[in-house]
N, C-alpha and C. Protein backbone atom coordinates (compact mmCIF):
# COMPACT_ATOMS: atom_id res chain seq x y z
N MET A 1 97.21 103.90 114.90
CA MET A 1 98.56 103.93 114.01
C MET A 1 98.32 104.36 112.61
N GLN A 2 99.24 104.95 112.08
CA GLN A 2 99.19 105.56 110.66
C GLN A 2 100.31 104.90 109.93
N VAL A 3 99.93 104.18 108.91
CA VAL A 3 100.93 103.58 108.07
C VAL A 3 100.91 104.07 106.53
N LEU A 4 102.07 104.65 106.14
CA LEU A 4 102.33 105.21 104.87
C LEU A 4 102.77 104.27 103.82
N TYR A 5 102.03 103.90 102.85
CA TYR A 5 102.40 103.12 101.79
C TYR A 5 102.55 103.92 100.57
N ASP A 6 103.52 103.61 99.79
CA ASP A 6 103.79 104.05 98.21
C ASP A 6 103.13 103.17 97.30
N GLY A 7 102.54 103.79 96.33
CA GLY A 7 102.07 102.88 95.28
C GLY A 7 102.75 102.52 94.11
N HIS A 8 104.07 102.78 94.30
CA HIS A 8 104.92 102.55 92.96
C HIS A 8 104.45 101.12 92.36
N ILE A 9 104.24 100.18 93.17
CA ILE A 9 104.02 98.91 92.39
C ILE A 9 102.78 98.89 91.51
N TYR A 10 101.82 99.79 91.90
CA TYR A 10 100.66 99.70 91.12
C TYR A 10 100.87 100.66 89.77
N LEU A 11 101.98 101.43 89.80
CA LEU A 11 102.40 102.04 88.53
C LEU A 11 103.03 101.15 87.62
N MET A 12 103.82 100.16 88.23
CA MET A 12 104.60 99.23 87.41
C MET A 12 103.90 98.07 86.94
N GLN A 13 102.81 97.66 87.54
CA GLN A 13 102.10 96.55 87.02
C GLN A 13 100.65 96.53 87.25
N ALA A 14 99.67 96.42 86.26
CA ALA A 14 98.26 96.50 86.58
C ALA A 14 97.80 95.27 87.40
N ALA A 15 98.38 94.24 87.35
CA ALA A 15 98.01 92.95 88.00
C ALA A 15 98.97 92.12 88.18
N GLY A 16 99.34 91.54 89.28
CA GLY A 16 100.45 90.77 89.74
C GLY A 16 100.49 90.44 91.15
N GLY A 17 101.49 89.51 91.34
CA GLY A 17 101.65 88.93 92.86
C GLY A 17 102.00 90.16 93.76
N VAL A 18 102.75 91.02 93.57
CA VAL A 18 103.22 92.03 94.46
C VAL A 18 102.13 92.95 94.83
N ASN A 19 101.35 93.50 93.76
CA ASN A 19 100.38 94.54 94.34
C ASN A 19 99.03 93.73 94.86
N ARG A 20 98.85 92.40 94.33
CA ARG A 20 97.84 91.73 94.94
C ARG A 20 98.29 91.52 96.53
N TYR A 21 99.52 91.22 96.77
CA TYR A 21 99.95 91.11 98.36
C TYR A 21 99.76 92.30 99.11
N PHE A 22 99.93 93.58 98.40
CA PHE A 22 99.84 94.74 99.30
C PHE A 22 98.32 95.21 99.27
N SER A 23 97.48 94.70 98.35
CA SER A 23 96.23 94.84 98.31
C SER A 23 95.43 94.05 99.49
N ASN A 24 95.81 92.95 99.59
CA ASN A 24 95.31 91.90 100.52
C ASN A 24 95.93 92.57 102.11
N LEU A 25 97.25 92.79 102.16
CA LEU A 25 97.58 93.43 103.38
C LEU A 25 96.95 94.64 103.79
N ILE A 26 96.73 95.71 102.91
CA ILE A 26 95.88 96.82 103.29
C ILE A 26 94.54 96.65 103.63
N GLY A 27 93.92 95.69 102.81
CA GLY A 27 92.63 95.41 103.08
C GLY A 27 92.26 94.70 104.36
N ARG A 28 93.14 94.10 105.04
CA ARG A 28 93.10 93.33 106.17
C ARG A 28 93.73 93.74 107.41
N LEU A 29 94.11 95.14 107.32
CA LEU A 29 94.59 95.88 108.59
C LEU A 29 93.56 95.89 109.59
N PRO A 30 94.15 95.80 110.77
CA PRO A 30 93.12 95.95 112.10
C PRO A 30 92.42 97.30 112.13
N PRO A 31 91.36 97.44 112.74
CA PRO A 31 90.76 98.62 112.83
C PRO A 31 91.43 99.97 113.35
N ASP A 32 92.32 99.61 114.13
CA ASP A 32 93.14 100.68 114.78
C ASP A 32 94.37 101.25 113.91
N VAL A 33 94.49 100.70 112.64
CA VAL A 33 95.37 100.99 111.61
C VAL A 33 94.78 101.88 110.43
N ILE A 34 95.30 103.13 110.34
CA ILE A 34 94.93 103.91 109.19
C ILE A 34 95.94 104.00 108.19
N PRO A 35 95.62 103.40 106.95
CA PRO A 35 96.57 103.31 105.83
C PRO A 35 96.35 104.53 104.94
N TYR A 36 97.62 104.95 104.64
CA TYR A 36 97.68 106.05 103.70
C TYR A 36 98.62 105.57 102.38
N LEU A 37 98.21 105.88 101.21
CA LEU A 37 98.56 105.37 99.94
C LEU A 37 99.07 106.64 99.06
N THR A 38 100.23 106.76 98.61
CA THR A 38 100.70 107.74 97.74
C THR A 38 100.88 106.92 96.27
N MET A 39 100.33 107.49 95.21
CA MET A 39 100.36 106.75 93.91
C MET A 39 100.56 107.78 92.88
N CYS A 40 100.82 107.41 91.77
CA CYS A 40 100.87 108.09 90.48
C CYS A 40 100.37 107.22 89.43
N GLY A 41 99.31 107.71 88.76
CA GLY A 41 98.97 106.95 87.59
C GLY A 41 97.47 106.41 88.09
N PRO A 42 96.80 105.61 87.11
CA PRO A 42 95.40 105.17 87.48
C PRO A 42 95.49 104.06 88.49
N ARG A 43 94.25 103.77 88.99
CA ARG A 43 93.99 102.52 90.00
C ARG A 43 94.05 101.35 89.14
N SER A 44 94.78 100.43 89.63
CA SER A 44 94.96 99.02 89.08
C SER A 44 93.92 98.13 89.29
N ILE A 45 93.89 96.83 88.69
CA ILE A 45 92.65 95.77 89.05
C ILE A 45 92.92 95.47 90.52
N ASN A 46 94.12 95.29 91.13
CA ASN A 46 94.12 94.90 92.48
C ASN A 46 94.25 96.02 93.30
N PHE A 47 93.60 97.11 93.17
CA PHE A 47 93.63 98.22 94.11
C PHE A 47 93.32 97.90 95.44
N PRO A 48 93.73 98.28 96.48
CA PRO A 48 93.44 97.93 97.91
C PRO A 48 91.96 98.43 98.27
N VAL A 49 91.15 98.02 99.05
CA VAL A 49 89.85 98.15 99.54
C VAL A 49 89.90 98.03 100.97
N ASN A 50 89.92 99.40 101.58
CA ASN A 50 89.89 99.35 103.02
C ASN A 50 89.15 100.68 103.17
N SER A 51 88.12 100.67 104.07
CA SER A 51 87.38 101.94 104.55
C SER A 51 88.01 103.02 105.05
N ARG A 52 89.19 102.78 105.53
CA ARG A 52 89.82 103.94 106.32
C ARG A 52 91.07 104.43 105.33
N LEU A 53 91.35 103.78 104.29
CA LEU A 53 92.39 104.14 103.20
C LEU A 53 92.31 105.49 102.65
N LYS A 54 93.21 106.24 103.09
CA LYS A 54 93.37 107.76 102.48
C LYS A 54 94.31 107.59 101.23
N VAL A 55 94.13 108.18 100.00
CA VAL A 55 94.95 108.05 98.94
C VAL A 55 95.25 109.35 98.52
N TYR A 56 96.55 109.58 98.43
CA TYR A 56 97.20 110.80 97.78
C TYR A 56 97.48 110.51 96.44
N SER A 57 96.94 111.24 95.49
CA SER A 57 97.13 110.67 94.03
C SER A 57 97.60 111.86 93.13
N TYR A 58 98.73 111.41 92.45
CA TYR A 58 99.23 112.50 91.45
C TYR A 58 98.98 111.99 89.98
N ARG A 59 98.55 112.85 89.17
CA ARG A 59 98.24 112.61 87.71
C ARG A 59 99.41 113.34 86.99
N ARG A 60 100.22 112.58 86.06
CA ARG A 60 101.13 113.20 85.27
C ARG A 60 100.53 114.00 84.09
N PHE A 61 101.53 115.01 83.69
CA PHE A 61 100.76 115.76 82.62
C PHE A 61 101.71 116.13 81.73
N ARG A 62 101.45 116.74 80.54
CA ARG A 62 102.43 117.43 79.76
C ARG A 62 102.84 118.91 79.95
N PRO A 63 103.88 119.49 79.83
CA PRO A 63 105.09 118.87 79.51
C PRO A 63 105.71 118.09 80.67
N ALA A 64 106.22 116.96 80.24
CA ALA A 64 106.74 115.98 81.31
C ALA A 64 107.95 116.54 82.19
N SER A 65 108.51 117.52 81.61
CA SER A 65 109.76 117.96 82.42
C SER A 65 109.12 118.86 83.69
N VAL A 66 108.12 119.46 83.40
CA VAL A 66 107.38 120.29 84.64
C VAL A 66 106.56 119.33 85.30
N SER A 67 105.98 118.29 84.87
CA SER A 67 105.37 117.34 85.73
C SER A 67 106.07 116.50 86.53
N TYR A 68 107.28 116.24 86.07
CA TYR A 68 108.08 115.38 86.92
C TYR A 68 108.62 116.02 88.17
N ARG A 69 108.94 117.48 87.97
CA ARG A 69 109.38 118.36 89.01
C ARG A 69 108.33 118.55 89.92
N LEU A 70 107.11 118.69 89.57
CA LEU A 70 106.02 118.92 90.50
C LEU A 70 105.58 117.56 91.19
N GLU A 71 105.88 116.55 90.57
CA GLU A 71 105.63 115.17 90.97
C GLU A 71 106.46 115.03 92.27
N LYS A 72 107.69 115.22 92.25
CA LYS A 72 108.69 115.12 93.49
C LYS A 72 108.33 115.90 94.53
N LEU A 73 107.79 117.32 94.25
CA LEU A 73 107.40 118.09 95.33
C LEU A 73 106.14 117.62 96.00
N PHE A 74 105.17 117.14 95.11
CA PHE A 74 103.87 116.44 95.65
C PHE A 74 104.21 115.45 96.74
N PHE A 75 105.22 114.39 96.15
CA PHE A 75 105.31 113.42 97.15
C PHE A 75 106.14 113.68 98.40
N GLU A 76 106.94 114.80 98.27
CA GLU A 76 107.97 115.00 99.48
C GLU A 76 106.71 115.79 100.42
N TYR A 77 105.92 116.63 99.80
CA TYR A 77 104.66 117.21 100.69
C TYR A 77 103.92 116.15 101.39
N THR A 78 103.42 115.14 100.70
CA THR A 78 102.61 114.03 101.15
C THR A 78 103.27 113.28 102.26
N ASN A 79 104.72 113.05 102.06
CA ASN A 79 105.51 112.33 103.15
C ASN A 79 105.48 112.98 104.33
N ASN A 80 105.62 114.38 104.29
CA ASN A 80 105.93 115.24 105.37
C ASN A 80 104.68 115.79 106.00
N ALA A 81 103.46 115.43 105.26
CA ALA A 81 102.18 116.18 105.68
C ALA A 81 101.74 115.86 107.07
N ARG A 82 101.99 114.81 107.44
CA ARG A 82 101.52 114.14 108.82
C ARG A 82 102.56 113.40 109.30
N SER A 83 102.38 113.01 110.69
CA SER A 83 103.42 112.15 111.18
C SER A 83 102.87 110.74 111.22
N TYR A 84 103.65 109.93 110.50
CA TYR A 84 103.42 108.55 110.38
C TYR A 84 104.01 107.72 111.34
N ASP A 85 103.57 106.49 111.69
CA ASP A 85 104.09 105.65 112.71
C ASP A 85 105.00 104.71 111.90
N LEU A 86 104.94 104.43 110.58
CA LEU A 86 105.42 103.30 109.83
C LEU A 86 105.37 103.78 108.41
N ALA A 87 106.28 103.47 107.64
CA ALA A 87 106.29 103.57 106.15
C ALA A 87 106.74 102.16 105.64
N HIS A 88 105.86 101.89 104.51
CA HIS A 88 106.14 100.49 103.85
C HIS A 88 106.13 100.65 102.37
N PRO A 89 107.25 100.76 101.63
CA PRO A 89 107.24 100.71 100.53
C PRO A 89 106.67 99.55 99.57
N THR A 90 106.19 99.72 98.64
CA THR A 90 105.65 98.53 97.87
C THR A 90 106.51 97.87 97.01
N TYR A 91 107.64 98.61 96.75
CA TYR A 91 108.71 97.82 95.87
C TYR A 91 110.04 98.39 96.53
N TYR A 92 111.12 98.47 95.61
CA TYR A 92 112.39 98.69 96.28
C TYR A 92 112.77 100.17 96.30
N THR A 93 111.89 101.06 95.88
CA THR A 93 111.93 102.44 95.84
C THR A 93 110.78 102.92 96.97
N TYR A 94 110.84 104.39 97.10
CA TYR A 94 109.80 104.76 97.79
C TYR A 94 109.21 106.12 97.14
N SER A 95 108.02 106.01 97.14
CA SER A 95 107.19 107.11 96.59
C SER A 95 107.76 107.67 95.19
N VAL A 96 107.25 107.55 94.01
CA VAL A 96 107.89 107.58 92.86
C VAL A 96 108.97 108.69 92.80
N GLY A 97 108.88 109.85 93.52
CA GLY A 97 110.00 110.89 93.46
C GLY A 97 110.33 111.18 94.75
N ALA A 98 110.32 110.56 95.76
CA ALA A 98 110.80 110.60 97.02
C ALA A 98 112.13 110.07 97.44
N ASN A 99 112.77 110.58 98.39
CA ASN A 99 114.14 110.12 98.84
C ASN A 99 113.93 109.42 100.23
N LEU A 100 114.37 108.10 100.35
CA LEU A 100 114.28 107.56 101.57
C LEU A 100 114.87 108.32 102.94
N GLY A 101 115.91 108.97 102.47
CA GLY A 101 116.73 109.54 103.55
C GLY A 101 115.89 110.85 104.33
N ASN A 102 114.91 111.21 103.66
CA ASN A 102 114.03 112.19 104.19
C ASN A 102 112.96 111.77 105.12
N ILE A 103 112.67 110.32 105.07
CA ILE A 103 111.61 109.77 105.93
C ILE A 103 112.13 109.51 107.33
N ALA A 104 111.35 110.28 108.27
CA ALA A 104 111.70 110.17 109.61
C ALA A 104 110.77 109.29 110.40
N VAL A 105 110.50 108.12 109.88
CA VAL A 105 109.76 107.20 110.67
C VAL A 105 110.33 105.73 110.51
N ARG A 106 109.65 104.77 111.16
CA ARG A 106 110.25 103.54 111.03
C ARG A 106 109.80 102.87 109.72
N LEU A 107 110.73 102.06 109.23
CA LEU A 107 110.53 101.65 107.82
C LEU A 107 110.48 100.10 107.74
N SER A 108 109.63 99.72 106.96
CA SER A 108 109.45 98.09 107.07
C SER A 108 109.54 97.89 105.28
N VAL A 109 110.64 97.06 105.01
CA VAL A 109 110.54 96.75 103.65
C VAL A 109 110.65 95.19 103.35
N THR A 110 109.83 95.00 102.26
CA THR A 110 109.58 93.42 101.87
C THR A 110 110.43 93.42 100.86
N VAL A 111 111.37 92.34 101.02
CA VAL A 111 112.35 91.79 99.95
C VAL A 111 111.73 90.64 99.17
N TRP A 112 111.42 90.94 97.84
CA TRP A 112 110.93 89.90 96.96
C TRP A 112 111.92 89.09 96.42
N ASP A 113 111.74 88.23 95.56
CA ASP A 113 112.29 87.33 94.95
C ASP A 113 113.86 87.88 94.36
N MET A 114 114.90 87.25 95.06
CA MET A 114 116.29 87.68 94.60
C MET A 114 117.05 86.74 93.71
N ILE A 115 116.28 85.85 93.02
CA ILE A 115 116.92 85.16 92.28
C ILE A 115 117.85 85.67 91.12
N HIS A 116 117.26 86.76 90.75
CA HIS A 116 118.33 87.60 89.86
C HIS A 116 119.75 87.86 90.39
N GLU A 117 119.67 88.04 91.59
CA GLU A 117 120.94 88.40 92.27
C GLU A 117 121.93 87.20 92.47
N LEU A 118 121.26 86.07 92.86
CA LEU A 118 121.95 84.77 92.93
C LEU A 118 122.61 84.31 91.53
N PHE A 119 121.75 84.41 90.48
CA PHE A 119 121.93 83.83 88.96
C PHE A 119 121.94 84.99 88.22
N PRO A 120 122.79 85.80 88.02
CA PRO A 120 122.65 86.74 87.04
C PRO A 120 122.72 86.46 85.67
N ALA A 121 122.11 87.00 84.63
CA ALA A 121 122.13 86.67 83.25
C ALA A 121 123.49 86.63 82.75
N ARG A 122 123.67 85.61 82.08
CA ARG A 122 125.12 85.26 81.52
C ARG A 122 125.03 86.14 80.16
N ALA A 123 126.28 86.96 80.02
CA ALA A 123 126.49 87.51 78.79
C ALA A 123 127.09 86.88 77.67
């Protein structure tokens, strides 16, 4: 089984509960599962360790306008480069520049703390 994870959470925070969760999840996958991780930016403190892990990494550059356009193409290519059995975003978006509507695989979404939805900040 091939599972595609996006590394969006590793761009958002260097260390924290969400990226620790995914590091542990990816690190403890059974031997018949091959994890693929797309990411943008440097590896964080809680980067997953798995001998079967394949990482597609994009490094941003200047000028930013060109970098962001190429980033979107890079993530579209990596998402379509192979046939994945499951896609699991690490946060509420999928691959920094990708569109969820173009992913033609089963999707697993983890919903984190929704307290901000139940009790919005009062103005």
